[in-house]
Amino acid sequence: MARVTNGYGAALGRRARLVAVAAEPEDLTPRSLRGLAGVADELEVRADLVGDPDPSRLRRHFRGQLTYSLRSARHGGRSVAGPVERRTRLLRAADHYELVDLEAMDDVRPELLEAVPARQRRVSWHASGPAGRAEGRCRAELLEASGRLRERFAAMSAVPAALYLLAPPAGGQYGSAAPLLLAGLGRTDVTAFASGPVGMWTRVLAPWLGAPVVFGRVGAQGEDGMPSAGRLLADYGLPALPPLSGLFGIAGRAPGGRSLSPRLHNAALRELRLPSLYLPFQVDRFSRFWQWGFDFGSLAGIPLRGLTVTAPHKESALQVADVADPEALGCGSANLLWLDQGRWRAATTDAVGALRPLALGGVDPSGRTAAVIGCGGAGRAVAWALREAGAGVTLVNRGIAHGLEASSRLGLPFIPLSRFSPAGYDLLVHATPLVEREPFPVAAADRDAVVLEMAYHDPPTALTRATRARGLVGINGWQVLFVEVREQFRLMTGHPMPDTLPLPSLCFGSAEQAAVHGLPPSGGPARAHGTGREAP
């Protein structure tokens, strides 16, 4: 078996084959094809999306194996070719491509099977339409769904092929039983995952459970949830398959492909050679997901060991824990759950995510007046931490009812956002997801005010730009992110994240891009940005 080396020099023995999928015409330009060298082992041409390119032209720029796929509308594709046209195109592809995708039941007919030998066939099944959501007895639901997939595969495997592909829809926000099929089969010619953005994590996990290939788009992630080939490499270290015995992840309502947490956590796991993987889970109802996580981990033999939790599930995360840290109890929310000596512990790293960057910037909250804009889980955690550090804190929120509730919980004064002015506050903390416009008029802030932003964004947020333009001392969300990621990794794994891990470079790819956000590429402490003077 070929040996590969990950980005940090660790030799790894197992690997999957990475299939780059061309789904847009620009994916087949010479530049795009040459860019796959050293990344992809195979190239799949989605002919229903890009037409039928000249195979000889493809081979001039890409030296790996070629796969032809003409996915029909019935299987979730866009081809509306009639039977005669479809048969003609598949037969023509068989003369030029190493693999030809044959759709289960529809394409496995004598004429095609005679022209496409078993070694050249990929028999696939892509179910269309929404799937049922996991309800109640998650373990029973998973077992039942896995059994149905096994029956489906048994019918497909009656036709000899080089590879079998099953892709049922994810269904709701609870993932799919598709990876369990792989865990139970013990074969090396089958891949199964859940389609759609909710099922992206199943695509990533499938190779560790026995799938011989992993699929990534040549371009950006598509609506079907398939990540780019570059993201598979950068975020998950694929196609290398180091040992795996446990799962971590991030659970939130936003699509998992937006978060940088998988990239940063997995880089540290690989660097330390810890046998774990960090995955993105798009979650609707946290309580159901929580039970599902235990059941899936048990059935797949890869237990869940820790979770980063984002809005709107931070309150629910606190409720499912066996024990909680004082900060989480004080603010009524948790953004971290991990297994600690057999008990699930809840904590919030939003507090240290604010206090530590302030300390690194030379800002002591004690005795200062602070306004925290946003009364969600992060805002309440920061307000709690600032109060404990000796600051005089005022809560600010757009929704009055939510603001009053947070005020009552924390025993802090509250001002509706519509009546808030930043004048008179030493420290202004923005703790909402708003990045497109200023959450408050920065021009009205005192000249010696410090602005701390919890949200990160590229390019810089409107608040970051306004803070710099005004010449105020500012701490942006990237600095907060790196502090929180390091703290979360330490708590979940029991190991400190290596100081040498270049977190800014992992996020931005170049020193120039990191510098736009005032970040050193090495990942060392960033200074608060301002006009060159020390923070007050």
Protein backbone atom coordinates (compact mmCIF):
# COMPACT_ATOMS: atom_id res chain seq x y z
CA MET A 1 0.00 0.00 0.00
CA ALA A 2 1.28 3.44 -0.88
CA ARG A 3 2.63 5.59 1.93
CA VAL A 4 1.59 9.23 2.14
CA THR A 5 2.67 12.08 4.36
CA ASN A 6 0.31 14.66 5.79
CA GLY A 7 1.06 18.38 6.01
CA TYR A 8 2.97 17.97 9.26
CA GLY A 9 5.38 15.24 8.29
CA ALA A 10 3.59 12.28 9.90
CA ALA A 11 3.77 9.12 7.82
CA LEU A 12 0.38 7.55 7.28
CA GLY A 13 -0.25 4.07 5.88
CA ARG A 14 -3.87 3.98 4.70
CA ARG A 15 -5.43 6.22 2.10
CA ALA A 16 -8.56 6.49 0.01
CA ARG A 17 -8.69 7.48 -3.65
CA LEU A 18 -9.80 11.08 -4.05
CA VAL A 19 -12.20 11.61 -6.95
CA ALA A 20 -12.44 15.20 -8.17
CA VAL A 21 -15.89 15.84 -9.63
CA ALA A 22 -16.26 18.28 -12.51
CA ALA A 23 -19.69 19.87 -12.09
CA GLU A 24 -19.16 23.24 -13.83
CA PRO A 25 -17.73 23.98 -17.30
CA GLU A 26 -14.85 25.96 -15.75
CA ASP A 27 -13.82 22.82 -13.84
CA LEU A 28 -12.58 21.39 -17.15
CA THR A 29 -10.29 24.25 -18.18
CA PRO A 30 -6.62 23.30 -18.59
CA ARG A 31 -5.70 25.36 -15.54
CA SER A 32 -8.30 23.63 -13.33
CA LEU A 33 -7.28 20.18 -14.54
CA ARG A 34 -3.57 20.81 -14.02
CA GLY A 35 -4.36 22.09 -10.53
CA LEU A 36 -5.57 18.62 -9.59
CA ALA A 37 -2.07 17.17 -9.90
CA GLY A 38 -0.98 15.82 -6.53
CA VAL A 39 -4.51 16.27 -5.14
CA ALA A 40 -6.89 13.97 -7.01
CA ASP A 41 -6.40 10.38 -8.12
CA GLU A 42 -9.41 10.32 -10.43
CA LEU A 43 -11.64 12.76 -12.30
CA GLU A 44 -15.39 12.27 -12.62
CA VAL A 45 -17.14 14.11 -15.42
CA ARG A 46 -20.75 14.91 -14.56
CA ALA A 47 -21.95 14.91 -18.16
CA ASP A 48 -25.46 15.95 -17.11
CA LEU A 49 -23.91 19.22 -15.88
CA VAL A 50 -20.94 19.86 -18.20
CA GLY A 51 -21.79 17.93 -21.36
CA ASP A 52 -19.48 15.44 -23.08
CA PRO A 53 -15.94 16.87 -23.26
CA ASP A 54 -13.26 15.41 -25.48
CA PRO A 55 -11.57 12.69 -23.34
CA SER A 56 -8.26 13.11 -25.17
CA ARG A 57 -8.20 16.78 -24.19
CA LEU A 58 -8.85 15.83 -20.55
CA ARG A 59 -5.96 13.36 -20.59
CA ARG A 60 -3.54 16.00 -21.84
CA HIS A 61 -3.99 17.88 -18.58
CA PHE A 62 -4.98 15.16 -16.09
CA ARG A 63 -3.21 11.81 -15.87
CA GLY A 64 -5.48 9.96 -13.49
CA GLN A 65 -8.44 7.67 -14.11
CA LEU A 66 -11.55 9.13 -15.77
CA THR A 67 -15.16 8.36 -14.75
CA TYR A 68 -18.22 9.23 -16.80
CA SER A 69 -21.53 10.00 -15.08
CA LEU A 70 -24.76 11.02 -16.81
CA ARG A 71 -27.01 11.34 -13.78
CA SER A 72 -30.69 11.38 -14.57
CA ALA A 73 -33.31 13.55 -12.92
CA ARG A 74 -34.69 10.43 -11.28
CA HIS A 75 -31.38 9.98 -9.48
CA GLY A 76 -31.01 13.63 -8.50
CA GLY A 77 -29.19 14.79 -11.64
CA ARG A 78 -30.16 17.09 -14.49
CA SER A 79 -30.07 14.81 -17.49
CA VAL A 80 -33.36 14.60 -19.36
CA ALA A 81 -31.96 12.45 -22.17
CA GLY A 82 -34.37 9.90 -23.55
CA PRO A 83 -33.57 6.16 -23.53
CA VAL A 84 -31.93 6.13 -26.97
CA GLU A 85 -29.76 9.20 -26.38
CA ARG A 86 -28.77 7.99 -22.94
CA ARG A 87 -27.77 4.57 -24.19
CA THR A 88 -25.77 6.11 -27.03
CA ARG A 89 -23.83 8.44 -24.76
CA LEU A 90 -23.06 5.71 -22.22
CA LEU A 91 -21.85 3.34 -24.94
CA ARG A 92 -19.65 6.05 -26.41
CA ALA A 93 -18.22 6.81 -22.96
CA ALA A 94 -17.33 3.14 -22.49
CA ASP A 95 -14.78 3.50 -25.31
CA HIS A 96 -12.91 6.35 -23.60
CA TYR A 97 -13.40 6.26 -19.81
CA GLU A 98 -12.03 3.79 -17.26
CA LEU A 99 -15.34 3.83 -15.32
CA VAL A 100 -18.88 4.42 -16.52
CA ASP A 101 -21.63 5.09 -14.00
CA LEU A 102 -24.68 2.86 -14.50
CA GLU A 103 -27.77 3.75 -12.52
CA ALA A 104 -29.19 0.83 -10.59
CA MET A 105 -32.28 -0.78 -12.09
CA ASP A 106 -32.47 1.67 -15.03
CA ASP A 107 -29.12 1.12 -16.80
CA VAL A 108 -28.38 -2.51 -15.91
CA ARG A 109 -29.78 -3.85 -19.17
CA PRO A 110 -28.21 -6.53 -21.41
CA GLU A 111 -27.06 -4.17 -24.16
CA LEU A 112 -25.18 -1.91 -21.76
CA LEU A 113 -23.83 -4.73 -19.62
CA GLU A 114 -22.41 -6.43 -22.71
CA ALA A 115 -20.65 -3.22 -23.80
CA VAL A 116 -19.45 -2.17 -20.35
CA PRO A 117 -17.49 -4.98 -18.65
CA ALA A 118 -17.68 -5.44 -14.88
CA ARG A 119 -14.23 -3.91 -14.34
CA GLN A 120 -15.50 -0.71 -15.99
CA ARG A 121 -18.84 -0.39 -14.17
CA ARG A 122 -19.83 1.77 -11.26
CA VAL A 123 -23.37 0.85 -10.26
CA SER A 124 -24.99 3.70 -8.37
CA TRP A 125 -28.21 4.55 -6.59
CA HIS A 126 -29.02 8.18 -5.77
CA ALA A 127 -32.40 8.46 -4.07
CA SER A 128 -34.24 11.73 -4.68
CA GLY A 129 -36.69 13.57 -2.45
CA PRO A 130 -36.69 14.16 1.31
CA ALA A 131 -36.19 11.29 3.72
CA GLY A 132 -38.03 10.72 6.98
CA ARG A 133 -36.63 12.42 10.04
CA ALA A 134 -35.26 10.41 12.92
CA GLU A 135 -37.84 10.33 15.69
CA GLY A 136 -37.89 8.92 19.18
CA ARG A 137 -36.06 5.60 19.22
CA CYS A 138 -32.99 6.70 17.30
CA ARG A 139 -31.18 3.38 17.62
CA ALA A 140 -34.15 1.47 16.24
CA GLU A 141 -34.52 3.98 13.40
CA LEU A 142 -30.84 3.66 12.50
CA LEU A 143 -30.96 -0.13 12.53
CA GLU A 144 -34.09 -0.19 10.40
CA ALA A 145 -32.66 2.24 7.85
CA SER A 146 -29.37 0.35 7.72
CA GLY A 147 -31.28 -2.86 7.09
CA ARG A 148 -33.15 -1.30 4.19
CA LEU A 149 -29.89 -0.08 2.66
CA ARG A 150 -28.41 -3.55 3.01
CA GLU A 151 -31.37 -4.96 1.07
CA ARG A 152 -30.88 -2.30 -1.59
CA PHE A 153 -27.20 -3.15 -1.90
CA ALA A 154 -27.95 -6.87 -2.14
CA ALA A 155 -30.07 -6.18 -5.21
CA MET A 156 -27.41 -3.92 -6.73
CA SER A 157 -24.57 -6.38 -6.13
CA ALA A 158 -26.30 -8.97 -8.28
CA VAL A 159 -24.70 -7.03 -11.15
CA PRO A 160 -20.89 -7.42 -10.97
CA ALA A 161 -19.09 -4.05 -10.86
CA ALA A 162 -15.84 -2.41 -9.87
CA LEU A 163 -17.61 -0.06 -7.47
CA TYR A 164 -21.03 0.36 -5.91
CA LEU A 165 -22.32 3.74 -4.76
CA LEU A 166 -25.36 4.38 -2.55
CA ALA A 167 -26.41 7.95 -1.73
CA PRO A 168 -29.77 8.30 0.04
CA PRO A 169 -30.84 11.82 1.10
CA ALA A 170 -29.80 12.89 4.57
CA GLY A 171 -33.30 13.71 5.76
CA GLY A 172 -33.90 16.57 8.18
CA GLN A 173 -30.90 17.50 10.30
CA TYR A 174 -30.12 14.09 11.73
CA GLY A 175 -27.70 12.59 9.30
CA SER A 176 -28.14 9.16 7.79
CA ALA A 177 -27.63 5.49 8.42
CA ALA A 178 -25.60 5.20 5.19
CA PRO A 179 -22.19 4.95 6.94
CA LEU A 180 -23.52 2.07 9.05
CA LEU A 181 -23.91 0.03 5.87
CA LEU A 182 -20.16 0.36 5.32
CA ALA A 183 -19.35 -0.50 8.93
CA GLY A 184 -21.26 -3.78 8.63
CA LEU A 185 -20.31 -4.93 5.12
CA GLY A 186 -16.55 -5.19 5.44
CA ARG A 187 -16.11 -4.71 1.66
CA THR A 188 -13.70 -2.48 -0.24
CA ASP A 189 -15.83 -1.93 -3.36
CA VAL A 190 -18.73 -0.03 -1.78
CA THR A 191 -19.19 3.59 -0.79
CA ALA A 192 -22.27 5.02 0.90
CA PHE A 193 -23.07 8.47 2.23
CA ALA A 194 -26.00 10.82 2.69
CA SER A 195 -26.55 13.43 0.02
CA GLY A 196 -27.34 17.08 0.69
CA PRO A 197 -25.57 19.65 2.90
CA VAL A 198 -26.81 17.95 6.10
CA GLY A 199 -25.03 14.76 5.08
CA MET A 200 -21.63 16.29 4.32
CA TRP A 201 -20.09 14.67 7.40
CA THR A 202 -21.05 11.21 6.08
CA ARG A 203 -19.04 11.85 2.91
CA VAL A 204 -15.99 12.66 5.02
CA LEU A 205 -16.38 9.72 7.40
CA ALA A 206 -17.17 7.06 4.77
CA PRO A 207 -13.52 6.23 3.85
CA TRP A 208 -12.67 5.45 7.47
CA LEU A 209 -15.53 2.93 7.50
CA GLY A 210 -14.33 1.13 4.39
CA ALA A 211 -15.28 3.23 1.36
CA PRO A 212 -12.42 3.09 -1.17
CA VAL A 213 -13.07 6.57 -2.56
CA VAL A 214 -14.03 10.04 -1.40
CA PHE A 215 -15.60 12.63 -3.69
CA GLY A 216 -14.76 16.33 -3.82
CA ARG A 217 -15.71 18.99 -6.33
CA VAL A 218 -13.10 20.57 -8.54
CA GLY A 219 -14.65 23.94 -7.68
CA ALA A 220 -16.50 25.20 -4.62
CA GLN A 221 -18.91 23.11 -2.55
CA GLY A 222 -22.20 22.51 -4.31
CA GLU A 223 -25.84 22.37 -3.28
CA ASP A 224 -25.56 18.58 -2.97
CA GLY A 225 -23.26 19.00 0.03
CA MET A 226 -20.16 17.72 -1.74
CA PRO A 227 -17.16 19.68 -0.42
CA SER A 228 -14.37 20.79 -2.71
CA ALA A 229 -11.38 18.53 -3.15
CA GLY A 230 -9.26 21.27 -1.61
CA ARG A 231 -11.44 21.39 1.49
CA LEU A 232 -11.23 17.61 1.93
CA LEU A 233 -7.46 17.97 2.01
CA ALA A 234 -7.27 21.15 4.11
CA ASP A 235 -10.01 20.39 6.65
CA TYR A 236 -9.80 16.62 7.04
CA GLY A 237 -6.38 15.56 5.78
CA LEU A 238 -7.95 13.30 3.15
CA PRO A 239 -7.19 11.09 1.33
CA ALA A 240 -4.89 9.95 4.14
CA LEU A 241 -6.66 7.71 6.67
CA PRO A 242 -4.84 7.65 10.00
CA PRO A 243 -6.23 5.44 12.78
CA LEU A 244 -9.66 6.49 14.07
CA SER A 245 -11.29 5.51 17.36
CA GLY A 246 -13.40 8.54 18.34
CA LEU A 247 -15.32 11.52 17.01
CA PHE A 248 -15.45 15.20 17.91
CA GLY A 249 -17.51 17.77 16.08
CA ILE A 250 -19.31 21.07 15.84
CA ALA A 251 -23.10 21.12 16.16
CA GLY A 252 -25.05 24.12 14.89
CA ARG A 253 -27.87 25.17 12.64
CA ALA A 254 -25.68 26.73 9.95
CA PRO A 255 -24.27 24.47 7.20
CA GLY A 256 -21.16 22.75 8.50
CA GLY A 257 -19.03 23.74 5.53
CA ARG A 258 -18.94 27.36 6.73
CA SER A 259 -16.99 26.70 9.92
CA LEU A 260 -13.21 26.71 10.15
CA SER A 261 -13.27 24.63 13.34
CA PRO A 262 -12.88 21.28 11.51
CA ARG A 263 -9.75 22.55 9.75
CA LEU A 264 -8.10 23.81 12.93
CA HIS A 265 -9.05 20.92 15.20
CA ASN A 266 -8.17 18.23 12.67
CA ALA A 267 -4.80 19.85 11.97
CA ALA A 268 -3.99 19.61 15.68
CA LEU A 269 -5.28 16.03 15.91
CA ARG A 270 -3.03 15.03 13.01
CA GLU A 271 -0.06 16.91 14.43
CA LEU A 272 -0.40 15.08 17.77
CA ARG A 273 -1.34 11.81 16.05
CA LEU A 274 -4.49 11.45 18.11
CA PRO A 275 -6.87 8.81 16.64
CA SER A 276 -9.88 11.12 16.32
CA LEU A 277 -11.75 13.13 13.69
CA TYR A 278 -13.63 16.42 14.05
CA LEU A 279 -16.78 16.65 11.88
CA PRO A 280 -19.45 19.30 11.13
CA PHE A 281 -23.03 18.41 12.13
CA GLN A 282 -25.92 20.54 10.91
CA VAL A 283 -28.49 20.18 13.69
CA ASP A 284 -32.15 21.15 13.96
CA ARG A 285 -33.22 19.84 17.39
CA PHE A 286 -30.28 19.30 19.70
CA SER A 287 -31.94 16.84 22.09
CA ARG A 288 -32.68 14.42 19.24
CA PHE A 289 -29.22 14.86 17.78
CA TRP A 290 -27.67 14.19 21.18
CA GLN A 291 -29.38 10.81 21.50
CA TRP A 292 -28.63 10.02 17.87
CA GLY A 293 -24.93 10.75 18.46
CA PHE A 294 -24.69 8.10 21.17
CA ASP A 295 -26.58 5.54 19.10
CA PHE A 296 -24.60 6.13 15.92
CA GLY A 297 -21.27 6.04 17.75
CA SER A 298 -22.19 2.78 19.43
CA LEU A 299 -23.35 1.09 16.24
CA ALA A 300 -20.42 2.33 14.14
CA GLY A 301 -17.83 1.63 16.83
CA ILE A 302 -16.61 5.24 16.81
CA PRO A 303 -17.96 6.94 19.96
CA LEU A 304 -18.67 10.64 20.22
CA ARG A 305 -16.23 12.23 22.70
CA GLY A 306 -16.81 15.97 22.47
CA LEU A 307 -18.76 18.72 20.75
CA THR A 308 -18.40 22.39 20.06
CA VAL A 309 -21.91 23.84 20.12
CA THR A 310 -23.08 27.00 18.34
CA ALA A 311 -26.28 29.03 18.39
CA PRO A 312 -29.11 28.32 18.88
CA HIS A 313 -28.21 25.16 20.80
CA LYS A 314 -26.07 26.51 23.66
CA GLU A 315 -28.87 26.40 26.23
CA SER A 316 -29.77 22.85 25.18
CA ALA A 317 -26.12 21.81 25.50
CA LEU A 318 -26.13 22.90 29.12
CA GLN A 319 -29.30 20.91 29.81
CA VAL A 320 -27.93 17.57 28.56
CA ALA A 321 -24.70 17.74 30.58
CA ASP A 322 -24.08 15.70 33.71
CA VAL A 323 -22.00 18.49 35.25
CA ALA A 324 -21.31 22.09 34.27
CA ASP A 325 -18.59 24.62 34.98
CA PRO A 326 -19.50 27.78 36.99
CA GLU A 327 -19.27 30.06 33.94
CA ALA A 328 -21.78 27.94 32.00
CA LEU A 329 -24.16 27.77 34.95
CA GLY A 330 -23.83 31.50 35.54
CA CYS A 331 -24.69 32.55 32.00
CA GLY A 332 -27.13 29.70 31.31
CA SER A 333 -25.44 28.36 28.18
CA ALA A 334 -22.55 26.16 27.05
CA ASN A 335 -20.63 26.00 23.81
CA LEU A 336 -18.61 22.91 24.69
CA LEU A 337 -19.45 19.36 25.80
CA TRP A 338 -16.88 16.66 26.44
CA LEU A 339 -16.56 13.32 28.16
CA ASP A 340 -14.72 13.81 31.44
CA GLN A 341 -14.07 10.64 33.45
CA GLY A 342 -17.30 9.04 32.30
CA ARG A 343 -19.49 12.16 32.72
CA TRP A 344 -20.46 14.75 30.14
CA ARG A 345 -19.20 18.16 31.21
CA ALA A 346 -20.47 21.48 29.88
CA ALA A 347 -18.46 24.70 29.70
CA THR A 348 -18.38 27.97 27.83
CA THR A 349 -15.14 29.11 26.21
CA ASP A 350 -16.72 32.42 25.17
CA ALA A 351 -15.57 33.87 28.49
CA VAL A 352 -11.89 33.08 28.03
CA GLY A 353 -12.33 33.93 24.34
CA ALA A 354 -12.94 37.54 25.40
CA LEU A 355 -10.75 37.90 28.48
CA ARG A 356 -7.55 36.40 27.08
CA PRO A 357 -7.35 38.58 23.93
CA LEU A 358 -8.03 41.61 26.14
CA ALA A 359 -5.15 40.59 28.38
CA LEU A 360 -2.87 40.01 25.39
CA GLY A 361 -3.80 43.50 24.18
CA GLY A 362 -2.92 45.01 27.54
CA VAL A 363 -6.54 45.72 28.50
CA ASP A 364 -7.57 45.08 32.13
CA PRO A 365 -11.39 45.10 32.48
CA SER A 366 -11.29 45.88 36.20
CA GLY A 367 -12.90 49.21 36.97
CA ARG A 368 -13.97 49.83 33.38
CA THR A 369 -17.45 50.46 32.07
CA ALA A 370 -18.42 47.85 29.49
CA ALA A 371 -21.37 47.44 27.14
CA VAL A 372 -22.07 43.97 25.73
CA ILE A 373 -24.18 44.13 22.57
CA GLY A 374 -26.03 40.84 22.12
CA CYS A 375 -27.65 38.74 24.85
CA GLY A 376 -27.32 35.29 23.30
CA GLY A 377 -25.13 32.60 24.80
CA ALA A 378 -21.87 34.29 23.83
CA GLY A 379 -22.98 37.71 25.00
CA ARG A 380 -24.16 36.43 28.37
CA ALA A 381 -20.91 34.48 28.86
CA VAL A 382 -18.79 37.54 28.11
CA ALA A 383 -20.94 39.76 30.34
CA TRP A 384 -20.61 37.23 33.17
CA ALA A 385 -16.83 37.06 32.74
CA LEU A 386 -16.39 40.84 32.59
CA ARG A 387 -18.46 41.30 35.72
CA GLU A 388 -16.34 38.69 37.53
CA ALA A 389 -13.22 40.55 36.32
CA GLY A 390 -14.43 43.76 37.98
CA ALA A 391 -16.03 45.63 35.09
CA GLY A 392 -19.27 47.53 35.32
CA VAL A 393 -21.34 45.80 32.63
CA THR A 394 -24.47 46.94 30.78
CA LEU A 395 -26.37 44.58 28.50
CA VAL A 396 -27.63 45.76 25.10
CA ASN A 397 -29.97 43.81 22.85
CA ARG A 398 -32.31 44.45 19.92
CA GLY A 399 -35.04 42.18 21.30
CA ILE A 400 -36.33 43.65 24.54
CA ALA A 401 -37.81 40.45 25.99
CA HIS A 402 -34.58 38.52 25.49
CA GLY A 403 -32.56 41.40 26.91
CA LEU A 404 -34.71 41.64 30.02
CA GLU A 405 -34.41 37.88 30.53
CA ALA A 406 -30.61 38.07 30.37
CA SER A 407 -30.65 41.07 32.69
CA SER A 408 -32.67 39.16 35.25
CA ARG A 409 -30.42 36.11 35.04
CA LEU A 410 -27.16 38.02 35.39
CA GLY A 411 -28.37 40.87 37.62
CA LEU A 412 -27.06 43.48 35.18
CA PRO A 413 -28.68 46.63 33.74
CA PHE A 414 -30.18 46.46 30.27
CA ILE A 415 -30.64 49.03 27.48
CA PRO A 416 -32.54 48.29 24.25
CA LEU A 417 -30.34 48.65 21.17
CA SER A 418 -32.66 51.33 19.77
CA ARG A 419 -31.75 53.60 22.72
CA PHE A 420 -28.07 52.66 23.03
CA SER A 421 -25.17 55.06 22.49
CA PRO A 422 -21.56 53.82 22.78
CA ALA A 423 -20.49 57.13 24.31
CA GLY A 424 -19.23 56.84 27.87
CA TYR A 425 -18.14 53.18 27.72
CA ASP A 426 -14.52 52.09 28.03
CA LEU A 427 -15.12 48.67 26.50
CA LEU A 428 -17.60 47.79 23.72
CA VAL A 429 -18.17 44.07 23.05
CA HIS A 430 -20.11 42.98 19.99
CA ALA A 431 -21.56 39.47 20.46
CA THR A 432 -24.03 39.02 17.61
CA PRO A 433 -23.52 37.39 14.15
CA LEU A 434 -23.96 40.74 12.34
CA VAL A 435 -20.95 41.39 10.08
CA GLU A 436 -22.31 43.42 7.14
CA ARG A 437 -22.96 46.68 8.99
CA GLU A 438 -21.99 48.40 12.22
CA PRO A 439 -24.07 47.15 15.17
CA PHE A 440 -23.75 50.60 16.77
CA PRO A 441 -22.40 53.97 15.56
CA VAL A 442 -18.65 53.68 16.09
CA ALA A 443 -18.28 57.38 15.37
CA ALA A 444 -20.04 58.10 18.69
CA ALA A 445 -17.64 55.98 20.77
CA ASP A 446 -15.11 57.64 23.11
CA ARG A 447 -11.66 58.11 21.60
CA ASP A 448 -10.04 55.83 24.18
CA ALA A 449 -12.67 53.06 23.91
CA VAL A 450 -11.67 49.45 23.20
CA VAL A 451 -13.82 47.44 20.76
CA LEU A 452 -13.94 43.64 20.96
CA GLU A 453 -15.81 41.61 18.36
CA MET A 454 -16.77 37.95 18.86
CA ALA A 455 -17.73 37.16 15.23
CA TYR A 456 -15.05 36.49 12.62
CA HIS A 457 -15.35 37.12 8.91
CA ASP A 458 -13.26 37.44 5.79
CA PRO A 459 -13.06 40.17 4.54
CA PRO A 460 -13.00 42.21 7.77
CA THR A 461 -16.40 43.05 9.24
CA ALA A 462 -18.00 46.46 9.03
CA LEU A 463 -17.29 46.98 12.74
CA THR A 464 -13.61 46.12 12.33
CA ARG A 465 -13.26 48.53 9.41
CA ALA A 466 -15.04 51.31 11.29
CA THR A 467 -12.93 50.72 14.41
CA ARG A 468 -9.71 51.01 12.43
CA ALA A 469 -10.92 54.08 10.55
CA ARG A 470 -11.71 55.80 13.84
CA GLY A 471 -8.29 54.90 15.26
CA LEU A 472 -9.73 52.93 18.19
CA VAL A 473 -8.08 49.93 19.79
CA GLY A 474 -9.82 46.85 18.42
CA ILE A 475 -9.74 43.09 18.95
CA ASN A 476 -11.37 41.16 16.13
CA GLY A 477 -13.18 37.85 16.02
CA TRP A 478 -10.23 35.99 14.53
CA GLN A 479 -8.20 36.60 17.68
CA VAL A 480 -11.17 35.39 19.72
CA LEU A 481 -11.56 32.30 17.50
CA PHE A 482 -7.96 31.19 17.91
CA VAL A 483 -8.13 31.52 21.70
CA GLU A 484 -11.40 29.59 21.88
CA VAL A 485 -10.26 26.83 19.52
CA ARG A 486 -7.14 26.24 21.58
CA GLU A 487 -9.13 26.13 24.82
CA GLN A 488 -11.77 23.82 23.35
CA PHE A 489 -9.14 21.44 22.01
CA ARG A 490 -7.37 21.30 25.38
CA LEU A 491 -10.56 20.52 27.26
CA MET A 492 -11.91 17.95 24.81
CA THR A 493 -8.70 16.00 24.20
CA GLY A 494 -6.70 16.64 27.36
CA HIS A 495 -3.81 17.88 25.20
CA PRO A 496 -2.77 21.46 24.50
CA MET A 497 -2.93 22.45 20.86
CA PRO A 498 0.68 22.72 19.61
CA ASP A 499 1.94 26.29 19.86
CA THR A 500 3.73 25.78 16.56
CA LEU A 501 0.48 25.15 14.69
CA PRO A 502 0.07 28.17 12.35
CA LEU A 503 -3.64 28.82 12.83
CA PRO A 504 -3.79 32.05 10.75
CA SER A 505 -1.95 30.41 7.86
CA LEU A 506 -4.33 27.45 8.00
CA CYS A 507 -7.28 29.82 7.71
CA PHE A 508 -5.95 32.26 5.11
CA GLY A 509 -3.26 30.44 3.20
CA SER A 510 -0.85 33.38 3.10
CA ALA A 511 0.82 35.89 5.39
CA GLU A 512 -0.62 38.72 3.33
CA GLN A 513 -4.21 37.60 3.90
CA ALA A 514 -3.58 37.09 7.63
CA ALA A 515 -2.06 40.57 7.86
CA VAL A 516 -5.31 42.10 6.55
CA HIS A 517 -6.83 41.01 9.86
CA GLY A 518 -3.83 42.07 11.93
CA LEU A 519 -2.76 38.47 12.51
CA PRO A 520 0.77 37.03 12.54
CA PRO A 521 0.97 34.01 10.20
CA SER A 522 2.80 31.95 12.83
CA GLY A 523 -0.22 31.80 15.10
CA GLY A 524 1.44 33.68 17.95
CA PRO A 525 -0.41 36.29 20.00
CA ALA A 526 -1.90 39.06 17.89
CA ARG A 527 -1.73 42.63 19.07
CA ALA A 528 -4.88 44.69 19.34
CA HIS A 529 -5.07 46.86 16.24
CA GLY A 530 -5.13 50.63 16.61
CA THR A 531 -3.08 53.70 15.86
CA GLY A 532 0.18 52.33 17.22
CA ARG A 533 -0.34 53.41 20.82
CA GLU A 534 -0.69 51.01 23.75
CA ALA A 535 -4.20 49.97 24.75
CA PRO A 536 -5.45 52.13 27.62
